[in-house]
Amino acid sequence: MQHLDGLAATQQLRECYPFARVVILTDYDDDQLRAAAQKAGACAYVTKQDLTGLDSIVVRFAAL
C-alpha cells in the first residue's frame, strides 16, 4: 500500500477485507479527520496524546 495516507489505506483495507477492524492512531485531534476516518471505515480514532484509551479499544474490538 505504498503512497497511501491512513484514510486511503483504511478505505482500501475495508474494501478488500470488509470484516477487518481498523483503529486510527494519530497525532491529529481533529473532528473533520475523525469523521473522515469513520467514513473510510475505521472503527476507532485514537490520538497519541490519549494512549491510555488504546488498551480498552483493543480489548473491546478483539472480543468481537
N, C-alpha and C. Protein backbone atom coordinates (compact mmCIF):
# COMPACT_ATOMS: atom_id res chain seq x y z
N MET A 1 0.82 -1.19 0.00
CA MET A 1 0.00 0.00 0.00
C MET A 1 0.86 1.25 0.00
N GLN A 2 1.83 1.25 -0.83
CA GLN A 2 2.69 2.43 -0.93
C GLN A 2 1.89 3.63 -1.40
N HIS A 3 2.33 4.79 -0.97
CA HIS A 3 1.79 6.07 -1.43
C HIS A 3 0.33 6.29 -1.02
N LEU A 4 -0.09 5.70 0.07
CA LEU A 4 -1.43 5.93 0.58
C LEU A 4 -1.33 6.59 1.95
N ASP A 5 -2.23 7.53 2.22
CA ASP A 5 -2.30 8.04 3.58
C ASP A 5 -3.17 7.07 4.40
N GLY A 6 -3.29 7.33 5.67
CA GLY A 6 -4.02 6.42 6.54
C GLY A 6 -5.48 6.25 6.18
N LEU A 7 -6.11 7.34 5.73
CA LEU A 7 -7.53 7.25 5.37
C LEU A 7 -7.72 6.42 4.12
N ALA A 8 -6.87 6.63 3.12
CA ALA A 8 -6.97 5.85 1.88
C ALA A 8 -6.65 4.38 2.15
N ALA A 9 -5.66 4.13 2.99
CA ALA A 9 -5.31 2.75 3.33
C ALA A 9 -6.46 2.07 4.07
N THR A 10 -7.10 2.81 4.97
CA THR A 10 -8.25 2.27 5.70
C THR A 10 -9.37 1.90 4.74
N GLN A 11 -9.67 2.80 3.83
CA GLN A 11 -10.74 2.54 2.87
C GLN A 11 -10.41 1.32 2.00
N GLN A 12 -9.16 1.22 1.55
CA GLN A 12 -8.77 0.09 0.71
C GLN A 12 -8.82 -1.22 1.50
N LEU A 13 -8.34 -1.20 2.73
CA LEU A 13 -8.41 -2.40 3.57
C LEU A 13 -9.84 -2.86 3.78
N ARG A 14 -10.73 -1.91 4.07
CA ARG A 14 -12.13 -2.27 4.32
C ARG A 14 -12.82 -2.78 3.05
N GLU A 15 -12.41 -2.27 1.89
CA GLU A 15 -12.98 -2.78 0.63
C GLU A 15 -12.53 -4.22 0.38
N CYS A 16 -11.26 -4.49 0.65
CA CYS A 16 -10.72 -5.84 0.41
C CYS A 16 -11.11 -6.83 1.51
N TYR A 17 -11.19 -6.33 2.72
CA TYR A 17 -11.48 -7.17 3.89
C TYR A 17 -12.59 -6.50 4.71
N PRO A 18 -13.83 -6.67 4.31
CA PRO A 18 -14.94 -5.94 4.95
C PRO A 18 -15.08 -6.18 6.45
N PHE A 19 -14.60 -7.32 6.93
CA PHE A 19 -14.75 -7.62 8.36
C PHE A 19 -13.54 -7.18 9.18
N ALA A 20 -12.53 -6.59 8.52
CA ALA A 20 -11.35 -6.09 9.24
C ALA A 20 -11.75 -4.91 10.11
N ARG A 21 -11.10 -4.79 11.25
CA ARG A 21 -11.32 -3.65 12.14
C ARG A 21 -10.07 -2.79 12.11
N VAL A 22 -10.24 -1.52 11.83
CA VAL A 22 -9.12 -0.60 11.72
C VAL A 22 -9.23 0.45 12.82
N VAL A 23 -8.15 0.62 13.57
CA VAL A 23 -8.06 1.68 14.57
C VAL A 23 -7.05 2.69 14.06
N ILE A 24 -7.46 3.94 13.93
CA ILE A 24 -6.56 5.01 13.50
C ILE A 24 -5.84 5.54 14.74
N LEU A 25 -4.53 5.53 14.71
CA LEU A 25 -3.70 6.11 15.77
C LEU A 25 -2.97 7.29 15.16
N THR A 26 -3.20 8.49 15.69
CA THR A 26 -2.72 9.70 15.04
C THR A 26 -2.29 10.77 16.03
N ASP A 27 -1.56 11.75 15.52
CA ASP A 27 -1.21 12.94 16.30
C ASP A 27 -2.31 14.00 16.24
N TYR A 28 -3.21 13.87 15.28
CA TYR A 28 -4.18 14.93 14.99
C TYR A 28 -5.49 14.73 15.74
N ASP A 29 -5.83 15.67 16.59
CA ASP A 29 -7.10 15.67 17.30
C ASP A 29 -8.02 16.64 16.56
N ASP A 30 -8.64 16.14 15.51
CA ASP A 30 -9.39 16.98 14.59
C ASP A 30 -10.72 16.31 14.27
N ASP A 31 -11.81 17.02 14.50
CA ASP A 31 -13.14 16.44 14.28
C ASP A 31 -13.39 16.07 12.82
N GLN A 32 -12.86 16.86 11.88
CA GLN A 32 -13.05 16.54 10.46
C GLN A 32 -12.30 15.27 10.08
N LEU A 33 -11.09 15.11 10.60
CA LEU A 33 -10.33 13.88 10.32
C LEU A 33 -10.99 12.68 10.99
N ARG A 34 -11.53 12.89 12.18
CA ARG A 34 -12.24 11.81 12.88
C ARG A 34 -13.44 11.35 12.05
N ALA A 35 -14.19 12.31 11.51
CA ALA A 35 -15.35 11.98 10.67
C ALA A 35 -14.91 11.29 9.39
N ALA A 36 -13.81 11.75 8.79
CA ALA A 36 -13.30 11.13 7.56
C ALA A 36 -12.84 9.71 7.83
N ALA A 37 -12.22 9.48 8.99
CA ALA A 37 -11.77 8.13 9.35
C ALA A 37 -12.96 7.20 9.52
N GLN A 38 -14.01 7.70 10.14
CA GLN A 38 -15.22 6.89 10.32
C GLN A 38 -15.84 6.58 8.96
N LYS A 39 -15.89 7.57 8.08
CA LYS A 39 -16.44 7.36 6.74
C LYS A 39 -15.61 6.35 5.95
N ALA A 40 -14.28 6.36 6.16
CA ALA A 40 -13.39 5.43 5.47
C ALA A 40 -13.53 4.01 5.99
N GLY A 41 -14.14 3.87 7.18
CA GLY A 41 -14.37 2.54 7.72
C GLY A 41 -13.64 2.22 9.01
N ALA A 42 -12.96 3.21 9.59
CA ALA A 42 -12.27 2.97 10.86
C ALA A 42 -13.29 2.76 11.97
N CYS A 43 -12.99 1.83 12.87
CA CYS A 43 -13.89 1.57 13.98
C CYS A 43 -13.54 2.41 15.20
N ALA A 44 -12.34 3.01 15.19
CA ALA A 44 -11.92 3.87 16.29
C ALA A 44 -10.86 4.84 15.81
N TYR A 45 -10.78 5.98 16.50
CA TYR A 45 -9.84 7.04 16.19
C TYR A 45 -9.22 7.46 17.51
N VAL A 46 -7.93 7.20 17.70
CA VAL A 46 -7.25 7.46 18.96
C VAL A 46 -6.09 8.40 18.70
N THR A 47 -6.00 9.46 19.51
CA THR A 47 -4.85 10.35 19.38
C THR A 47 -3.70 9.82 20.23
N LYS A 48 -2.50 10.15 19.82
CA LYS A 48 -1.32 9.67 20.56
C LYS A 48 -1.26 10.30 21.95
N GLN A 49 -1.92 11.44 22.12
CA GLN A 49 -1.96 12.07 23.44
C GLN A 49 -2.85 11.29 24.40
N ASP A 50 -3.73 10.45 23.85
CA ASP A 50 -4.67 9.69 24.67
C ASP A 50 -4.41 8.19 24.55
N LEU A 51 -3.16 7.80 24.65
CA LEU A 51 -2.83 6.38 24.52
C LEU A 51 -3.41 5.53 25.64
N THR A 52 -3.82 6.17 26.72
CA THR A 52 -4.42 5.39 27.80
C THR A 52 -5.73 4.76 27.35
N GLY A 53 -6.39 5.34 26.37
CA GLY A 53 -7.63 4.77 25.86
C GLY A 53 -7.43 3.64 24.88
N LEU A 54 -6.22 3.48 24.38
CA LEU A 54 -5.96 2.48 23.35
C LEU A 54 -6.17 1.06 23.85
N ASP A 55 -5.74 0.77 25.06
CA ASP A 55 -5.87 -0.60 25.56
C ASP A 55 -7.33 -1.04 25.66
N SER A 56 -8.20 -0.15 26.10
CA SER A 56 -9.61 -0.54 26.20
C SER A 56 -10.24 -0.72 24.83
N ILE A 57 -9.80 0.06 23.85
CA ILE A 57 -10.31 -0.09 22.48
C ILE A 57 -9.87 -1.43 21.90
N VAL A 58 -8.62 -1.77 22.09
CA VAL A 58 -8.10 -3.04 21.57
C VAL A 58 -8.85 -4.21 22.20
N VAL A 59 -9.03 -4.18 23.49
CA VAL A 59 -9.74 -5.27 24.18
C VAL A 59 -11.18 -5.35 23.69
N ARG A 60 -11.84 -4.22 23.53
CA ARG A 60 -13.24 -4.21 23.10
C ARG A 60 -13.40 -4.81 21.71
N PHE A 61 -12.52 -4.43 20.77
CA PHE A 61 -12.67 -4.92 19.41
C PHE A 61 -12.09 -6.31 19.21
N ALA A 62 -11.18 -6.74 20.04
CA ALA A 62 -10.67 -8.10 19.95
C ALA A 62 -11.74 -9.10 20.38
N ALA A 63 -12.64 -8.66 21.25
CA ALA A 63 -13.69 -9.54 21.75
C ALA A 63 -14.81 -9.76 20.73
N LEU A 64 -14.90 -8.92 19.72
CA LEU A 64 -15.99 -9.05 18.74
C LEU A 64 -15.79 -10.20 17.81
